[in-house]
N, C-alpha and C. Protein backbone atom coordinates (compact mmCIF):
# COMPACT_ATOMS: atom_id res chain seq x y z
N UNK A 1 -19.17 7.40 -103.32
CA UNK A 1 -17.99 8.24 -103.50
C UNK A 1 -16.89 7.42 -104.20
N UNK A 2 -16.23 8.02 -105.16
CA UNK A 2 -15.19 7.36 -105.92
C UNK A 2 -13.96 7.10 -105.05
N UNK A 3 -13.41 5.90 -105.13
CA UNK A 3 -12.22 5.56 -104.35
C UNK A 3 -11.00 6.25 -104.96
N UNK A 4 -10.07 6.62 -104.10
CA UNK A 4 -8.80 7.15 -104.57
C UNK A 4 -7.95 6.01 -105.11
N UNK A 5 -6.89 6.36 -105.86
CA UNK A 5 -5.99 5.33 -106.37
C UNK A 5 -5.33 4.56 -105.23
N UNK A 6 -5.00 5.24 -104.12
CA UNK A 6 -4.41 4.54 -102.98
C UNK A 6 -5.38 3.51 -102.43
N UNK A 7 -6.65 3.89 -102.28
CA UNK A 7 -7.65 2.96 -101.76
C UNK A 7 -7.85 1.78 -102.71
N UNK A 8 -7.88 2.06 -104.00
CA UNK A 8 -8.07 0.99 -104.98
C UNK A 8 -6.90 0.01 -104.95
N UNK A 9 -5.68 0.54 -104.89
CA UNK A 9 -4.51 -0.34 -104.87
C UNK A 9 -4.45 -1.13 -103.57
N UNK A 10 -4.83 -0.52 -102.46
CA UNK A 10 -4.86 -1.21 -101.16
C UNK A 10 -5.82 -2.39 -101.19
N UNK A 11 -6.89 -2.28 -101.96
CA UNK A 11 -7.87 -3.36 -102.07
C UNK A 11 -7.38 -4.51 -102.96
N UNK A 12 -6.27 -4.29 -103.67
CA UNK A 12 -5.68 -5.36 -104.49
C UNK A 12 -4.74 -6.20 -103.62
N UNK A 13 -4.14 -7.22 -104.21
CA UNK A 13 -3.14 -8.00 -103.49
C UNK A 13 -1.95 -8.24 -104.41
N UNK A 14 -0.79 -8.43 -103.79
CA UNK A 14 0.47 -8.43 -104.53
C UNK A 14 0.51 -9.50 -105.62
N UNK A 15 -0.03 -10.68 -105.35
CA UNK A 15 0.00 -11.75 -106.34
C UNK A 15 -0.74 -11.37 -107.61
N UNK A 16 -1.92 -10.76 -107.48
CA UNK A 16 -2.69 -10.36 -108.65
C UNK A 16 -2.00 -9.24 -109.41
N UNK A 17 -1.43 -8.29 -108.68
CA UNK A 17 -0.72 -7.19 -109.33
C UNK A 17 0.49 -7.73 -110.10
N UNK A 18 1.22 -8.66 -109.50
CA UNK A 18 2.36 -9.27 -110.20
C UNK A 18 1.89 -9.96 -111.48
N UNK A 19 0.80 -10.72 -111.40
CA UNK A 19 0.30 -11.42 -112.59
C UNK A 19 0.00 -10.44 -113.72
N UNK A 20 -0.60 -9.30 -113.36
CA UNK A 20 -0.91 -8.28 -114.36
C UNK A 20 0.36 -7.68 -114.94
N UNK A 21 1.32 -7.37 -114.07
CA UNK A 21 2.58 -6.79 -114.53
C UNK A 21 3.31 -7.76 -115.46
N UNK A 22 3.29 -9.04 -115.12
CA UNK A 22 3.93 -10.05 -115.98
C UNK A 22 3.27 -10.10 -117.35
N UNK A 23 1.94 -10.10 -117.36
CA UNK A 23 1.22 -10.14 -118.63
C UNK A 23 1.45 -8.88 -119.46
N UNK A 24 1.74 -7.78 -118.80
CA UNK A 24 2.00 -6.52 -119.50
C UNK A 24 3.47 -6.38 -119.92
N UNK A 25 4.28 -7.41 -119.62
CA UNK A 25 5.66 -7.41 -120.06
C UNK A 25 6.63 -6.80 -119.07
N UNK A 26 6.23 -6.67 -117.79
CA UNK A 26 7.09 -6.09 -116.76
C UNK A 26 7.20 -7.03 -115.55
N UNK A 27 7.77 -8.23 -115.74
CA UNK A 27 7.85 -9.17 -114.62
C UNK A 27 8.88 -8.79 -113.57
N UNK A 28 9.84 -7.93 -113.92
CA UNK A 28 10.89 -7.55 -112.98
C UNK A 28 10.41 -6.39 -112.11
N UNK A 29 9.48 -6.70 -111.21
CA UNK A 29 8.83 -5.66 -110.41
C UNK A 29 8.72 -6.02 -108.94
N UNK A 30 9.30 -7.16 -108.54
CA UNK A 30 9.16 -7.65 -107.17
C UNK A 30 10.47 -7.50 -106.41
N UNK A 31 10.42 -6.92 -105.22
CA UNK A 31 11.62 -6.77 -104.41
C UNK A 31 12.03 -8.11 -103.82
N UNK A 32 13.30 -8.26 -103.41
CA UNK A 32 13.78 -9.55 -102.89
C UNK A 32 12.87 -10.11 -101.80
N UNK A 33 12.74 -11.44 -101.81
CA UNK A 33 11.76 -12.08 -100.93
C UNK A 33 12.12 -12.00 -99.46
N UNK A 34 13.37 -11.63 -99.12
CA UNK A 34 13.70 -11.51 -97.70
C UNK A 34 13.32 -10.14 -97.14
N UNK A 35 12.75 -9.27 -97.94
CA UNK A 35 12.16 -8.03 -97.41
C UNK A 35 10.73 -8.36 -97.01
N UNK A 36 10.50 -8.41 -95.69
CA UNK A 36 9.26 -8.95 -95.13
C UNK A 36 8.53 -7.92 -94.28
N UNK A 37 7.22 -8.09 -94.08
CA UNK A 37 6.48 -7.14 -93.24
C UNK A 37 6.70 -7.39 -91.75
N UNK A 38 6.74 -6.30 -90.99
CA UNK A 38 6.75 -6.43 -89.53
C UNK A 38 5.41 -6.98 -89.05
N UNK A 39 4.32 -6.50 -89.64
CA UNK A 39 2.97 -6.97 -89.32
C UNK A 39 2.33 -7.44 -90.61
N UNK A 40 2.20 -8.75 -90.77
CA UNK A 40 1.72 -9.27 -92.05
C UNK A 40 0.21 -9.15 -92.23
N UNK A 41 -0.47 -8.52 -91.29
CA UNK A 41 -1.90 -8.25 -91.47
C UNK A 41 -2.14 -6.90 -92.15
N UNK A 42 -1.09 -6.10 -92.31
CA UNK A 42 -1.23 -4.76 -92.88
C UNK A 42 -0.85 -4.76 -94.36
N UNK A 43 -1.60 -4.01 -95.16
CA UNK A 43 -1.26 -3.78 -96.55
C UNK A 43 -0.80 -2.34 -96.71
N UNK A 44 0.29 -2.15 -97.43
CA UNK A 44 0.86 -0.82 -97.66
C UNK A 44 0.78 -0.51 -99.15
N UNK A 45 0.17 0.62 -99.49
CA UNK A 45 0.06 1.01 -100.90
C UNK A 45 0.15 2.52 -101.01
N UNK A 46 0.82 2.99 -102.07
CA UNK A 46 0.88 4.43 -102.31
C UNK A 46 2.02 4.82 -103.21
N UNK A 47 2.13 6.10 -103.51
CA UNK A 47 3.23 6.60 -104.34
C UNK A 47 4.53 6.64 -103.53
N UNK A 48 5.63 6.37 -104.22
CA UNK A 48 6.93 6.23 -103.58
C UNK A 48 7.68 7.55 -103.51
N UNK A 49 8.39 7.73 -102.40
CA UNK A 49 9.43 8.76 -102.28
C UNK A 49 10.69 8.06 -101.80
N UNK A 50 11.78 8.21 -102.54
CA UNK A 50 12.97 7.41 -102.30
C UNK A 50 14.02 8.14 -101.46
N UNK A 51 14.89 7.34 -100.87
CA UNK A 51 16.08 7.88 -100.22
C UNK A 51 17.16 6.80 -100.23
N UNK A 52 18.40 7.23 -100.04
CA UNK A 52 19.50 6.28 -99.92
C UNK A 52 20.54 6.86 -98.97
N UNK A 53 21.43 6.00 -98.51
CA UNK A 53 22.48 6.44 -97.60
C UNK A 53 23.58 5.42 -97.53
N UNK A 54 24.47 5.60 -96.56
CA UNK A 54 25.56 4.67 -96.42
C UNK A 54 26.29 4.84 -95.10
N UNK A 55 27.07 3.85 -94.75
CA UNK A 55 27.88 3.88 -93.54
C UNK A 55 28.97 4.95 -93.67
N UNK A 56 29.15 5.71 -92.59
CA UNK A 56 30.22 6.71 -92.52
C UNK A 56 30.81 6.61 -91.12
N UNK A 57 31.94 5.93 -90.99
CA UNK A 57 32.56 5.71 -89.69
C UNK A 57 33.14 6.98 -89.09
N UNK A 58 33.29 8.03 -89.90
CA UNK A 58 33.88 9.27 -89.40
C UNK A 58 32.85 10.28 -88.93
N UNK A 59 31.57 9.99 -89.13
CA UNK A 59 30.53 10.96 -88.82
C UNK A 59 30.31 11.05 -87.31
N UNK A 60 30.03 12.23 -86.83
CA UNK A 60 29.75 12.41 -85.39
C UNK A 60 28.33 11.98 -85.08
N UNK A 61 28.07 11.73 -83.80
CA UNK A 61 26.72 11.39 -83.39
C UNK A 61 25.73 12.48 -83.79
N UNK A 62 26.12 13.74 -83.55
CA UNK A 62 25.23 14.86 -83.87
C UNK A 62 24.98 14.96 -85.37
N UNK A 63 26.01 14.83 -86.18
CA UNK A 63 25.85 14.95 -87.62
C UNK A 63 24.99 13.81 -88.18
N UNK A 64 25.16 12.62 -87.65
CA UNK A 64 24.34 11.50 -88.13
C UNK A 64 22.87 11.73 -87.80
N UNK A 65 22.58 12.26 -86.63
CA UNK A 65 21.19 12.52 -86.26
C UNK A 65 20.62 13.72 -87.00
N UNK A 66 21.45 14.71 -87.31
CA UNK A 66 20.99 15.83 -88.14
C UNK A 66 20.63 15.33 -89.53
N UNK A 67 21.43 14.42 -90.07
CA UNK A 67 21.15 13.84 -91.37
C UNK A 67 19.84 13.05 -91.35
N UNK A 68 19.68 12.22 -90.32
CA UNK A 68 18.48 11.38 -90.22
C UNK A 68 17.22 12.21 -90.01
N UNK A 69 17.27 13.17 -89.10
CA UNK A 69 16.08 13.99 -88.85
C UNK A 69 15.76 14.88 -90.05
N UNK A 70 16.77 15.23 -90.83
CA UNK A 70 16.51 15.96 -92.07
C UNK A 70 15.68 15.14 -93.03
N UNK A 71 15.96 13.83 -93.09
CA UNK A 71 15.16 12.93 -93.90
C UNK A 71 13.72 12.88 -93.38
N UNK A 72 13.56 12.75 -92.08
CA UNK A 72 12.21 12.68 -91.50
C UNK A 72 11.41 13.95 -91.80
N UNK A 73 12.09 15.08 -91.81
CA UNK A 73 11.38 16.35 -92.02
C UNK A 73 10.99 16.57 -93.47
N UNK A 74 11.66 15.90 -94.40
CA UNK A 74 11.41 16.12 -95.83
C UNK A 74 10.51 15.06 -96.45
N UNK A 75 10.36 13.92 -95.83
CA UNK A 75 9.50 12.87 -96.40
C UNK A 75 8.08 13.38 -96.53
N UNK A 76 7.51 13.38 -97.75
CA UNK A 76 6.21 14.02 -97.96
C UNK A 76 5.03 13.19 -97.47
N UNK A 77 4.05 13.89 -96.93
CA UNK A 77 2.80 13.26 -96.52
C UNK A 77 2.15 12.58 -97.73
N UNK A 78 1.50 11.45 -97.49
CA UNK A 78 0.81 10.75 -98.56
C UNK A 78 1.69 9.88 -99.40
N UNK A 79 2.97 9.71 -99.00
CA UNK A 79 3.90 8.88 -99.76
C UNK A 79 4.32 7.67 -98.95
N UNK A 80 4.94 6.70 -99.63
CA UNK A 80 5.60 5.57 -98.99
C UNK A 80 7.10 5.81 -99.12
N UNK A 81 7.80 5.87 -97.99
CA UNK A 81 9.24 6.09 -97.99
C UNK A 81 9.94 4.77 -98.30
N UNK A 82 10.77 4.76 -99.34
CA UNK A 82 11.49 3.55 -99.74
C UNK A 82 12.98 3.86 -99.71
N UNK A 83 13.74 3.06 -98.95
CA UNK A 83 15.14 3.38 -98.65
C UNK A 83 16.08 2.27 -99.10
N UNK A 84 17.16 2.68 -99.77
CA UNK A 84 18.30 1.80 -100.03
C UNK A 84 19.44 2.27 -99.13
N UNK A 85 19.67 1.61 -97.98
CA UNK A 85 20.67 2.08 -97.03
C UNK A 85 22.09 1.65 -97.36
N UNK A 86 22.24 0.74 -98.34
CA UNK A 86 23.57 0.24 -98.70
C UNK A 86 24.33 -0.26 -97.47
N UNK A 87 23.63 -1.03 -96.65
CA UNK A 87 24.18 -1.48 -95.37
C UNK A 87 23.38 -2.67 -94.87
N UNK A 88 24.05 -3.57 -94.15
CA UNK A 88 23.35 -4.71 -93.55
C UNK A 88 23.80 -4.94 -92.12
N UNK A 89 24.11 -3.84 -91.41
CA UNK A 89 24.65 -3.98 -90.05
C UNK A 89 23.83 -3.29 -88.98
N UNK A 90 23.07 -2.26 -89.34
CA UNK A 90 22.35 -1.46 -88.34
C UNK A 90 20.87 -1.35 -88.72
N UNK A 91 20.09 -0.77 -87.79
CA UNK A 91 18.67 -0.51 -88.05
C UNK A 91 18.50 0.84 -88.72
N UNK A 92 17.61 0.87 -89.71
CA UNK A 92 17.35 2.10 -90.44
C UNK A 92 15.92 2.59 -90.20
N UNK A 93 15.34 2.14 -89.09
CA UNK A 93 14.07 2.65 -88.59
C UNK A 93 13.94 2.24 -87.13
N UNK A 94 13.30 3.11 -86.36
CA UNK A 94 13.09 2.83 -84.95
C UNK A 94 11.84 3.51 -84.46
N UNK A 95 11.61 3.39 -83.16
CA UNK A 95 10.36 3.80 -82.51
C UNK A 95 9.97 5.26 -82.79
N UNK A 96 10.82 6.19 -82.40
CA UNK A 96 10.46 7.61 -82.50
C UNK A 96 10.36 8.05 -83.96
N UNK A 97 11.23 7.51 -84.80
CA UNK A 97 11.20 7.85 -86.22
C UNK A 97 9.90 7.38 -86.87
N UNK A 98 9.49 6.16 -86.56
CA UNK A 98 8.25 5.63 -87.12
C UNK A 98 7.05 6.46 -86.66
N UNK A 99 7.03 6.80 -85.38
CA UNK A 99 5.91 7.60 -84.88
C UNK A 99 5.89 8.98 -85.52
N UNK A 100 7.08 9.56 -85.72
CA UNK A 100 7.18 10.86 -86.37
C UNK A 100 6.64 10.81 -87.79
N UNK A 101 7.07 9.82 -88.56
CA UNK A 101 6.63 9.71 -89.95
C UNK A 101 5.14 9.45 -90.04
N UNK A 102 4.62 8.60 -89.17
CA UNK A 102 3.18 8.36 -89.17
C UNK A 102 2.42 9.64 -88.86
N UNK A 103 2.88 10.39 -87.86
CA UNK A 103 2.23 11.65 -87.48
C UNK A 103 2.26 12.65 -88.63
N UNK A 104 3.31 12.62 -89.43
CA UNK A 104 3.46 13.55 -90.54
C UNK A 104 2.73 13.09 -91.80
N UNK A 105 2.06 11.94 -91.73
CA UNK A 105 1.23 11.49 -92.83
C UNK A 105 1.91 10.60 -93.84
N UNK A 106 3.15 10.15 -93.54
CA UNK A 106 3.82 9.18 -94.41
C UNK A 106 3.13 7.82 -94.22
N UNK A 107 2.81 7.16 -95.32
CA UNK A 107 1.94 5.98 -95.27
C UNK A 107 2.63 4.73 -94.73
N UNK A 108 3.94 4.63 -94.91
CA UNK A 108 4.67 3.46 -94.45
C UNK A 108 6.09 3.50 -94.98
N UNK A 109 6.83 2.42 -94.78
CA UNK A 109 8.27 2.41 -95.03
C UNK A 109 8.69 1.05 -95.56
N UNK A 110 9.53 1.07 -96.60
CA UNK A 110 10.15 -0.15 -97.13
C UNK A 110 11.65 0.11 -97.18
N UNK A 111 12.43 -0.80 -96.59
CA UNK A 111 13.88 -0.59 -96.53
C UNK A 111 14.62 -1.90 -96.81
N UNK A 112 15.66 -1.80 -97.59
CA UNK A 112 16.54 -2.93 -97.85
C UNK A 112 17.57 -3.02 -96.73
N UNK A 113 17.05 -3.04 -95.49
CA UNK A 113 17.92 -2.98 -94.33
C UNK A 113 17.20 -3.38 -93.06
N UNK A 114 17.63 -2.80 -91.92
CA UNK A 114 17.20 -3.28 -90.62
C UNK A 114 16.17 -2.43 -89.91
N UNK A 115 15.61 -3.01 -88.85
CA UNK A 115 14.61 -2.35 -88.03
C UNK A 115 14.86 -2.69 -86.56
N UNK A 116 14.50 -1.73 -85.69
CA UNK A 116 14.55 -1.98 -84.25
C UNK A 116 13.30 -1.40 -83.60
N UNK A 117 13.18 -1.55 -82.27
CA UNK A 117 11.99 -1.11 -81.53
C UNK A 117 10.73 -1.70 -82.17
N UNK A 118 10.84 -2.94 -82.57
CA UNK A 118 9.83 -3.54 -83.44
C UNK A 118 8.49 -3.76 -82.75
N UNK A 119 8.50 -4.09 -81.48
CA UNK A 119 7.25 -4.30 -80.76
C UNK A 119 6.46 -2.99 -80.70
N UNK A 120 7.15 -1.89 -80.45
CA UNK A 120 6.47 -0.59 -80.41
C UNK A 120 5.88 -0.26 -81.78
N UNK A 121 6.65 -0.45 -82.84
CA UNK A 121 6.18 -0.09 -84.18
C UNK A 121 5.00 -0.98 -84.58
N UNK A 122 5.05 -2.26 -84.23
CA UNK A 122 3.92 -3.14 -84.52
C UNK A 122 2.66 -2.64 -83.83
N UNK A 123 2.77 -2.23 -82.58
CA UNK A 123 1.61 -1.71 -81.86
C UNK A 123 1.14 -0.37 -82.44
N UNK A 124 2.05 0.36 -83.06
CA UNK A 124 1.71 1.64 -83.68
C UNK A 124 0.80 1.44 -84.89
N UNK A 125 0.86 0.25 -85.50
CA UNK A 125 0.02 -0.03 -86.65
C UNK A 125 0.46 0.67 -87.91
N UNK A 126 1.77 0.97 -87.98
CA UNK A 126 2.33 1.66 -89.16
C UNK A 126 3.11 0.64 -89.96
N UNK A 127 2.72 0.39 -91.23
CA UNK A 127 3.33 -0.72 -91.98
C UNK A 127 4.75 -0.46 -92.41
N UNK A 128 5.62 -1.43 -92.14
CA UNK A 128 6.98 -1.37 -92.67
C UNK A 128 7.39 -2.76 -93.15
N UNK A 129 8.20 -2.78 -94.20
CA UNK A 129 8.82 -4.00 -94.72
C UNK A 129 10.33 -3.80 -94.66
N UNK A 130 11.05 -4.82 -94.19
CA UNK A 130 12.49 -4.69 -93.93
C UNK A 130 13.12 -6.07 -94.00
N UNK A 131 14.47 -6.12 -93.87
CA UNK A 131 15.17 -7.40 -94.03
C UNK A 131 15.52 -8.10 -92.72
N UNK A 132 15.88 -7.34 -91.68
CA UNK A 132 16.39 -7.99 -90.47
C UNK A 132 16.15 -7.11 -89.24
N UNK A 133 16.23 -7.75 -88.08
CA UNK A 133 16.14 -7.06 -86.79
C UNK A 133 17.54 -6.82 -86.24
N UNK A 134 17.73 -5.70 -85.55
CA UNK A 134 18.95 -5.45 -84.78
C UNK A 134 18.70 -4.27 -83.85
N UNK A 135 19.29 -4.27 -82.66
CA UNK A 135 19.16 -3.11 -81.78
C UNK A 135 20.09 -1.96 -82.15
N UNK A 136 21.06 -2.19 -83.03
CA UNK A 136 22.03 -1.15 -83.40
C UNK A 136 21.36 -0.09 -84.26
N UNK A 137 21.66 1.20 -83.99
CA UNK A 137 21.00 2.28 -84.73
C UNK A 137 21.99 3.08 -85.57
N UNK A 138 21.49 4.19 -86.15
CA UNK A 138 22.28 4.98 -87.11
C UNK A 138 23.26 5.93 -86.44
N UNK A 139 23.15 6.13 -85.14
CA UNK A 139 23.92 7.18 -84.46
C UNK A 139 25.42 6.95 -84.61
N UNK A 140 26.08 7.96 -85.18
CA UNK A 140 27.52 7.89 -85.39
C UNK A 140 27.96 6.85 -86.40
N UNK A 141 27.03 6.39 -87.24
CA UNK A 141 27.34 5.28 -88.15
C UNK A 141 26.88 5.51 -89.59
N UNK A 142 25.80 6.25 -89.79
CA UNK A 142 25.14 6.23 -91.09
C UNK A 142 24.64 7.62 -91.43
N UNK A 143 24.65 7.94 -92.73
CA UNK A 143 24.18 9.26 -93.18
C UNK A 143 23.36 9.12 -94.46
N UNK A 144 22.39 9.99 -94.60
CA UNK A 144 21.60 10.08 -95.83
C UNK A 144 22.49 10.64 -96.94
N UNK A 145 22.38 10.04 -98.13
CA UNK A 145 23.16 10.51 -99.28
C UNK A 145 22.30 11.10 -100.38
N UNK A 146 21.06 10.65 -100.51
CA UNK A 146 20.17 11.21 -101.52
C UNK A 146 18.72 11.10 -101.07
N UNK A 147 17.89 12.01 -101.55
CA UNK A 147 16.46 11.98 -101.31
C UNK A 147 15.75 12.30 -102.62
N UNK A 148 14.77 11.47 -102.97
CA UNK A 148 14.00 11.70 -104.18
C UNK A 148 14.68 11.26 -105.45
N UNK A 149 15.86 10.63 -105.34
CA UNK A 149 16.61 10.19 -106.52
C UNK A 149 16.38 8.70 -106.76
N UNK A 150 16.58 8.23 -108.01
CA UNK A 150 16.39 6.80 -108.30
C UNK A 150 17.29 5.91 -107.44
N UNK A 151 16.75 4.77 -107.03
CA UNK A 151 17.49 3.78 -106.28
C UNK A 151 17.25 2.40 -106.90
N UNK A 152 18.03 1.42 -106.46
CA UNK A 152 17.84 0.03 -106.89
C UNK A 152 17.78 -0.84 -105.65
N UNK A 153 16.78 -1.71 -105.58
CA UNK A 153 16.69 -2.72 -104.52
C UNK A 153 16.57 -4.06 -105.20
N UNK A 154 17.49 -4.97 -104.88
CA UNK A 154 17.58 -6.21 -105.65
C UNK A 154 17.96 -5.86 -107.07
N UNK A 155 17.12 -6.22 -108.02
CA UNK A 155 17.35 -5.81 -109.40
C UNK A 155 16.22 -4.94 -109.94
N UNK A 156 15.50 -4.30 -109.02
CA UNK A 156 14.37 -3.45 -109.39
C UNK A 156 14.77 -1.98 -109.26
N UNK A 157 14.66 -1.25 -110.34
CA UNK A 157 14.89 0.20 -110.31
C UNK A 157 13.64 0.89 -109.80
N UNK A 158 13.84 1.82 -108.86
CA UNK A 158 12.71 2.50 -108.21
C UNK A 158 12.92 4.00 -108.31
N UNK A 159 11.88 4.69 -108.77
CA UNK A 159 11.95 6.13 -108.96
C UNK A 159 10.85 6.80 -108.14
N UNK A 160 11.15 7.93 -107.54
CA UNK A 160 10.12 8.70 -106.85
C UNK A 160 8.96 8.97 -107.81
N UNK A 161 7.76 8.70 -107.34
CA UNK A 161 6.57 8.82 -108.17
C UNK A 161 6.03 7.50 -108.65
N UNK A 162 6.89 6.43 -108.64
CA UNK A 162 6.39 5.08 -108.86
C UNK A 162 5.46 4.72 -107.71
N UNK A 163 4.75 3.61 -107.86
CA UNK A 163 3.82 3.16 -106.82
C UNK A 163 4.27 1.83 -106.26
N UNK A 164 3.79 1.53 -105.05
CA UNK A 164 4.17 0.30 -104.37
C UNK A 164 2.95 -0.36 -103.76
N UNK A 165 2.93 -1.68 -103.80
CA UNK A 165 1.96 -2.48 -103.05
C UNK A 165 2.74 -3.53 -102.29
N UNK A 166 2.61 -3.53 -100.97
CA UNK A 166 3.33 -4.46 -100.11
C UNK A 166 2.34 -5.14 -99.17
N UNK A 167 2.34 -6.47 -99.18
CA UNK A 167 1.47 -7.20 -98.27
C UNK A 167 2.21 -8.44 -97.77
N UNK A 168 1.49 -9.42 -97.26
CA UNK A 168 2.11 -10.60 -96.67
C UNK A 168 2.97 -11.37 -97.69
N UNK A 169 2.63 -11.27 -98.98
CA UNK A 169 3.36 -12.02 -100.00
C UNK A 169 4.63 -11.33 -100.47
N UNK A 170 4.75 -10.03 -100.26
CA UNK A 170 5.94 -9.32 -100.70
C UNK A 170 5.64 -7.94 -101.22
N UNK A 171 6.61 -7.37 -101.94
CA UNK A 171 6.55 -5.97 -102.36
C UNK A 171 6.64 -5.87 -103.88
N UNK A 172 5.64 -5.23 -104.49
CA UNK A 172 5.60 -5.03 -105.93
C UNK A 172 5.72 -3.54 -106.22
N UNK A 173 6.58 -3.18 -107.18
CA UNK A 173 6.77 -1.79 -107.59
C UNK A 173 6.13 -1.59 -108.97
N UNK A 174 5.33 -0.54 -109.10
CA UNK A 174 4.60 -0.26 -110.33
C UNK A 174 5.06 1.09 -110.87
N UNK A 175 5.60 1.14 -112.10
CA UNK A 175 5.99 2.43 -112.67
C UNK A 175 4.84 3.41 -112.70
N UNK A 176 5.14 4.66 -112.46
CA UNK A 176 4.12 5.70 -112.39
C UNK A 176 3.23 5.71 -113.63
N UNK A 177 3.84 5.52 -114.81
CA UNK A 177 3.09 5.60 -116.06
C UNK A 177 2.09 4.46 -116.23
N UNK A 178 2.23 3.39 -115.41
CA UNK A 178 1.40 2.20 -115.57
C UNK A 178 0.34 2.06 -114.50
N UNK A 179 0.34 2.91 -113.49
CA UNK A 179 -0.47 2.64 -112.30
C UNK A 179 -1.96 2.50 -112.62
N UNK A 180 -2.52 3.38 -113.43
CA UNK A 180 -3.95 3.30 -113.70
C UNK A 180 -4.30 2.03 -114.47
N UNK A 181 -3.52 1.72 -115.49
CA UNK A 181 -3.78 0.52 -116.28
C UNK A 181 -3.63 -0.75 -115.44
N UNK A 182 -2.61 -0.78 -114.58
CA UNK A 182 -2.38 -1.96 -113.74
C UNK A 182 -3.52 -2.15 -112.74
N UNK A 183 -3.95 -1.09 -112.10
CA UNK A 183 -5.04 -1.23 -111.12
C UNK A 183 -6.35 -1.61 -111.82
N UNK A 184 -6.63 -0.98 -112.96
CA UNK A 184 -7.84 -1.35 -113.72
C UNK A 184 -7.84 -2.85 -114.04
N UNK A 185 -6.72 -3.34 -114.57
CA UNK A 185 -6.64 -4.74 -114.97
C UNK A 185 -6.67 -5.67 -113.76
N UNK A 186 -6.03 -5.27 -112.66
CA UNK A 186 -6.03 -6.11 -111.46
C UNK A 186 -7.45 -6.24 -110.91
N UNK A 187 -8.18 -5.14 -110.88
CA UNK A 187 -9.57 -5.20 -110.40
C UNK A 187 -10.41 -6.11 -111.29
N UNK A 188 -10.15 -6.07 -112.59
CA UNK A 188 -10.88 -6.94 -113.53
C UNK A 188 -10.55 -8.40 -113.24
N UNK A 189 -9.29 -8.71 -113.04
CA UNK A 189 -8.88 -10.09 -112.77
C UNK A 189 -9.45 -10.58 -111.45
N UNK A 190 -9.44 -9.74 -110.43
CA UNK A 190 -9.98 -10.14 -109.13
C UNK A 190 -11.47 -10.44 -109.22
N UNK A 191 -12.19 -9.68 -110.05
CA UNK A 191 -13.61 -9.95 -110.26
C UNK A 191 -13.80 -11.29 -110.97
N UNK A 192 -12.97 -11.56 -111.98
CA UNK A 192 -13.04 -12.83 -112.70
C UNK A 192 -12.70 -13.99 -111.78
N UNK A 193 -11.70 -13.80 -110.90
CA UNK A 193 -11.34 -14.85 -109.94
C UNK A 193 -12.52 -15.19 -109.04
N UNK A 194 -13.29 -14.19 -108.67
CA UNK A 194 -14.47 -14.44 -107.82
C UNK A 194 -15.49 -15.30 -108.56
N UNK A 195 -15.70 -15.03 -109.86
CA UNK A 195 -16.60 -15.86 -110.66
C UNK A 195 -16.08 -17.29 -110.77
N UNK A 196 -14.77 -17.41 -111.01
CA UNK A 196 -14.14 -18.72 -111.13
C UNK A 196 -14.29 -19.51 -109.83
N UNK A 197 -14.06 -18.86 -108.72
CA UNK A 197 -14.18 -19.51 -107.41
C UNK A 197 -15.60 -20.02 -107.19
N UNK A 198 -16.58 -19.20 -107.55
CA UNK A 198 -17.98 -19.60 -107.40
C UNK A 198 -18.29 -20.84 -108.22
N UNK A 199 -17.77 -20.87 -109.45
CA UNK A 199 -18.00 -22.03 -110.32
C UNK A 199 -17.39 -23.30 -109.72
N UNK A 200 -16.16 -23.21 -109.24
CA UNK A 200 -15.48 -24.39 -108.69
C UNK A 200 -16.18 -24.87 -107.42
N UNK A 201 -16.53 -23.94 -106.55
CA UNK A 201 -17.22 -24.32 -105.31
C UNK A 201 -18.62 -24.86 -105.60
N UNK A 202 -19.13 -24.51 -106.79
CA UNK A 202 -20.43 -25.05 -107.21
C UNK A 202 -20.33 -26.41 -107.86
N UNK A 203 -19.11 -26.94 -107.99
CA UNK A 203 -18.93 -28.29 -108.48
C UNK A 203 -18.27 -28.42 -109.83
N UNK A 204 -17.93 -27.29 -110.51
CA UNK A 204 -17.30 -27.39 -111.82
C UNK A 204 -15.89 -27.97 -111.71
N UNK A 205 -15.52 -28.82 -112.67
CA UNK A 205 -14.17 -29.36 -112.73
C UNK A 205 -13.17 -28.20 -112.92
N UNK A 206 -12.04 -28.19 -112.17
CA UNK A 206 -11.11 -27.06 -112.27
C UNK A 206 -10.54 -26.87 -113.67
N UNK A 207 -10.30 -27.96 -114.41
CA UNK A 207 -9.76 -27.79 -115.76
C UNK A 207 -10.81 -27.19 -116.69
N UNK A 208 -12.07 -27.58 -116.51
CA UNK A 208 -13.14 -26.98 -117.31
C UNK A 208 -13.29 -25.50 -116.98
N UNK A 209 -13.15 -25.19 -115.71
CA UNK A 209 -13.24 -23.78 -115.30
C UNK A 209 -12.11 -22.98 -115.92
N UNK A 210 -10.91 -23.58 -115.96
CA UNK A 210 -9.79 -22.87 -116.57
C UNK A 210 -10.03 -22.63 -118.05
N UNK A 211 -10.62 -23.61 -118.75
CA UNK A 211 -10.90 -23.45 -120.18
C UNK A 211 -11.82 -22.28 -120.43
N UNK A 212 -12.75 -22.05 -119.51
CA UNK A 212 -13.71 -20.95 -119.66
C UNK A 212 -13.04 -19.61 -119.37
N UNK A 213 -12.31 -19.54 -118.26
CA UNK A 213 -11.79 -18.24 -117.79
C UNK A 213 -10.35 -17.96 -118.20
N UNK A 214 -9.59 -19.03 -118.59
CA UNK A 214 -8.18 -18.89 -118.92
C UNK A 214 -7.44 -18.15 -117.78
N UNK A 215 -7.75 -18.58 -116.58
CA UNK A 215 -7.18 -17.95 -115.36
C UNK A 215 -7.23 -18.98 -114.26
N UNK A 216 -6.16 -19.00 -113.43
CA UNK A 216 -6.20 -19.87 -112.24
C UNK A 216 -5.14 -19.42 -111.27
């Protein structure tokens, strides 16, 4: 049976995808290195759906939760939710929200912000990448400002429909128009790396191996 694009990208790794993107002239594709996985054994891959928000000190508890649950209800199944919260003080994901999104078929979450209830989410086995831990939540503090609109994290522009691969090494964003070419080339490079590895473990000098494969 033919693998889906999500399965194929999941079988890749961020370093190889970055190498391909660099060779294709798109090196500015990696999110800041302090965005890290909660569980570094999980790989997250899929098409992106974006959101953004911001601190609102005047918002009521009820209005902030209506805003947040509205986001949870609209995040599409089969996507990776990627959030620019424009904040570094509170958590932008927690236990019940993560379980809700997983149940609704959202593949995982990447946020330029905080996380809480982390032990529960780790046991849930739902991949998320985030910047920091805090017990403080969105209630009466934060509201969604956009869904499905372009965002920027670090210096990477991210558009709904782009693709993401996030693993222990970090997060790579792939423009929608490039996904097939990038995955094809990454699979080719990974196959070549396997041949190179076999040669080196068989006793070939590493520089001679590089001359043959022009890869290392």
